[in-house]
Amino acid sequence: MTPGTMTAADGMLAAAGCSIMVDGKTVVENKGGKTGKLCSYKLK
């Protein structure tokens, strides 16, 4: 799954906020797209 984009304050497109849950636990969270990176998590 690829999250959408949002318009940043400078008018450029940026990664939207995202979170990934595994077995009911949040393993990755990027509220509001603050890091500018897409969420990713590798299952073992």
N, C-alpha and C. Protein backbone atom coordinates (compact mmCIF):
# COMPACT_ATOMS: atom_id res chain seq x y z
N MET A 1 0.84 -1.16 0.00
CA MET A 1 0.00 0.00 0.00
C MET A 1 0.89 1.23 0.00
N THR A 2 0.57 2.19 -0.82
CA THR A 2 1.31 3.44 -0.88
C THR A 2 0.39 4.57 -0.44
N PRO A 3 0.79 5.31 0.59
CA PRO A 3 -0.06 6.42 1.02
C PRO A 3 -0.06 7.53 -0.02
N GLY A 4 -1.04 8.38 0.06
CA GLY A 4 -1.15 9.49 -0.87
C GLY A 4 -0.18 10.59 -0.54
N THR A 5 -0.34 11.69 -1.25
CA THR A 5 0.50 12.86 -1.00
C THR A 5 -0.36 13.99 -0.47
N MET A 6 0.30 14.98 0.07
CA MET A 6 -0.38 16.18 0.54
C MET A 6 0.45 17.37 0.08
N THR A 7 -0.16 18.53 0.09
CA THR A 7 0.56 19.73 -0.30
C THR A 7 1.23 20.32 0.93
N ALA A 8 2.53 20.48 0.86
CA ALA A 8 3.31 21.05 1.97
C ALA A 8 3.14 22.57 2.00
N ALA A 9 3.64 23.19 3.05
CA ALA A 9 3.52 24.64 3.22
C ALA A 9 4.15 25.42 2.07
N ASP A 10 5.19 24.84 1.44
CA ASP A 10 5.85 25.52 0.33
C ASP A 10 5.18 25.27 -1.02
N GLY A 11 4.04 24.55 -1.01
CA GLY A 11 3.31 24.27 -2.23
C GLY A 11 3.75 23.01 -2.96
N MET A 12 4.80 22.37 -2.50
CA MET A 12 5.28 21.14 -3.13
C MET A 12 4.53 19.94 -2.56
N LEU A 13 4.49 18.85 -3.31
CA LEU A 13 3.87 17.63 -2.81
C LEU A 13 4.82 16.93 -1.85
N ALA A 14 4.27 16.37 -0.79
CA ALA A 14 5.06 15.65 0.21
C ALA A 14 4.31 14.38 0.60
N ALA A 15 5.01 13.43 1.19
CA ALA A 15 4.38 12.19 1.64
C ALA A 15 3.36 12.51 2.73
N ALA A 16 2.20 11.89 2.65
CA ALA A 16 1.17 12.08 3.67
C ALA A 16 1.51 11.25 4.91
N GLY A 17 0.85 11.53 5.99
CA GLY A 17 1.05 10.75 7.21
C GLY A 17 0.63 9.31 7.00
N CYS A 18 1.22 8.41 7.75
CA CYS A 18 0.89 7.01 7.61
C CYS A 18 1.25 6.26 8.89
N SER A 19 0.68 5.08 9.03
CA SER A 19 1.05 4.20 10.14
C SER A 19 0.87 2.76 9.69
N ILE A 20 1.65 1.87 10.28
CA ILE A 20 1.57 0.45 9.97
C ILE A 20 1.38 -0.29 11.28
N MET A 21 0.36 -1.15 11.31
CA MET A 21 0.08 -1.95 12.50
C MET A 21 0.28 -3.42 12.18
N VAL A 22 0.93 -4.14 13.09
CA VAL A 22 1.13 -5.58 12.96
C VAL A 22 0.64 -6.22 14.25
N ASP A 23 -0.28 -7.15 14.13
CA ASP A 23 -0.86 -7.83 15.30
C ASP A 23 -1.38 -6.85 16.34
N GLY A 24 -1.99 -5.77 15.89
CA GLY A 24 -2.59 -4.80 16.79
C GLY A 24 -1.62 -3.81 17.41
N LYS A 25 -0.34 -3.88 17.04
CA LYS A 25 0.66 -2.95 17.58
C LYS A 25 1.16 -2.05 16.47
N THR A 26 1.29 -0.75 16.76
CA THR A 26 1.83 0.18 15.77
C THR A 26 3.34 0.01 15.72
N VAL A 27 3.85 -0.36 14.53
CA VAL A 27 5.29 -0.58 14.37
C VAL A 27 5.97 0.60 13.67
N VAL A 28 5.20 1.37 12.91
CA VAL A 28 5.72 2.55 12.23
C VAL A 28 4.63 3.61 12.25
N GLU A 29 5.00 4.84 12.57
CA GLU A 29 4.02 5.91 12.54
C GLU A 29 4.70 7.21 12.11
N ASN A 30 4.06 7.90 11.19
CA ASN A 30 4.55 9.17 10.68
C ASN A 30 3.35 10.11 10.65
N LYS A 31 3.04 10.70 11.79
CA LYS A 31 1.87 11.58 11.88
C LYS A 31 2.09 12.84 11.06
N GLY A 32 1.14 13.11 10.18
CA GLY A 32 1.20 14.34 9.39
C GLY A 32 2.32 14.39 8.37
N GLY A 33 3.00 13.28 8.13
CA GLY A 33 4.08 13.27 7.15
C GLY A 33 5.29 14.08 7.57
N LYS A 34 5.53 14.21 8.86
CA LYS A 34 6.60 15.07 9.38
C LYS A 34 8.00 14.68 8.92
N THR A 35 8.25 13.39 8.70
CA THR A 35 9.60 12.98 8.30
C THR A 35 9.83 13.15 6.80
N GLY A 36 8.75 13.27 6.02
CA GLY A 36 8.88 13.41 4.58
C GLY A 36 9.16 12.10 3.87
N LYS A 37 9.20 11.00 4.62
CA LYS A 37 9.45 9.68 4.02
C LYS A 37 8.19 8.84 4.10
N LEU A 38 8.07 7.90 3.18
CA LEU A 38 6.97 6.95 3.22
C LEU A 38 7.20 5.94 4.31
N CYS A 39 6.13 5.43 4.89
CA CYS A 39 6.23 4.39 5.92
C CYS A 39 6.64 3.07 5.26
N SER A 40 7.51 2.34 5.93
CA SER A 40 7.85 1.00 5.46
C SER A 40 8.23 0.15 6.67
N TYR A 41 7.99 -1.15 6.54
CA TYR A 41 8.29 -2.08 7.60
C TYR A 41 8.49 -3.44 6.98
N LYS A 42 9.57 -4.12 7.30
CA LYS A 42 9.87 -5.43 6.73
C LYS A 42 9.47 -6.51 7.72
N LEU A 43 8.57 -7.39 7.29
CA LEU A 43 8.16 -8.51 8.13
C LEU A 43 9.25 -9.58 8.14
N LYS A 44 9.47 -10.16 9.30
CA LYS A 44 10.49 -11.19 9.41
C LYS A 44 9.88 -12.56 9.33
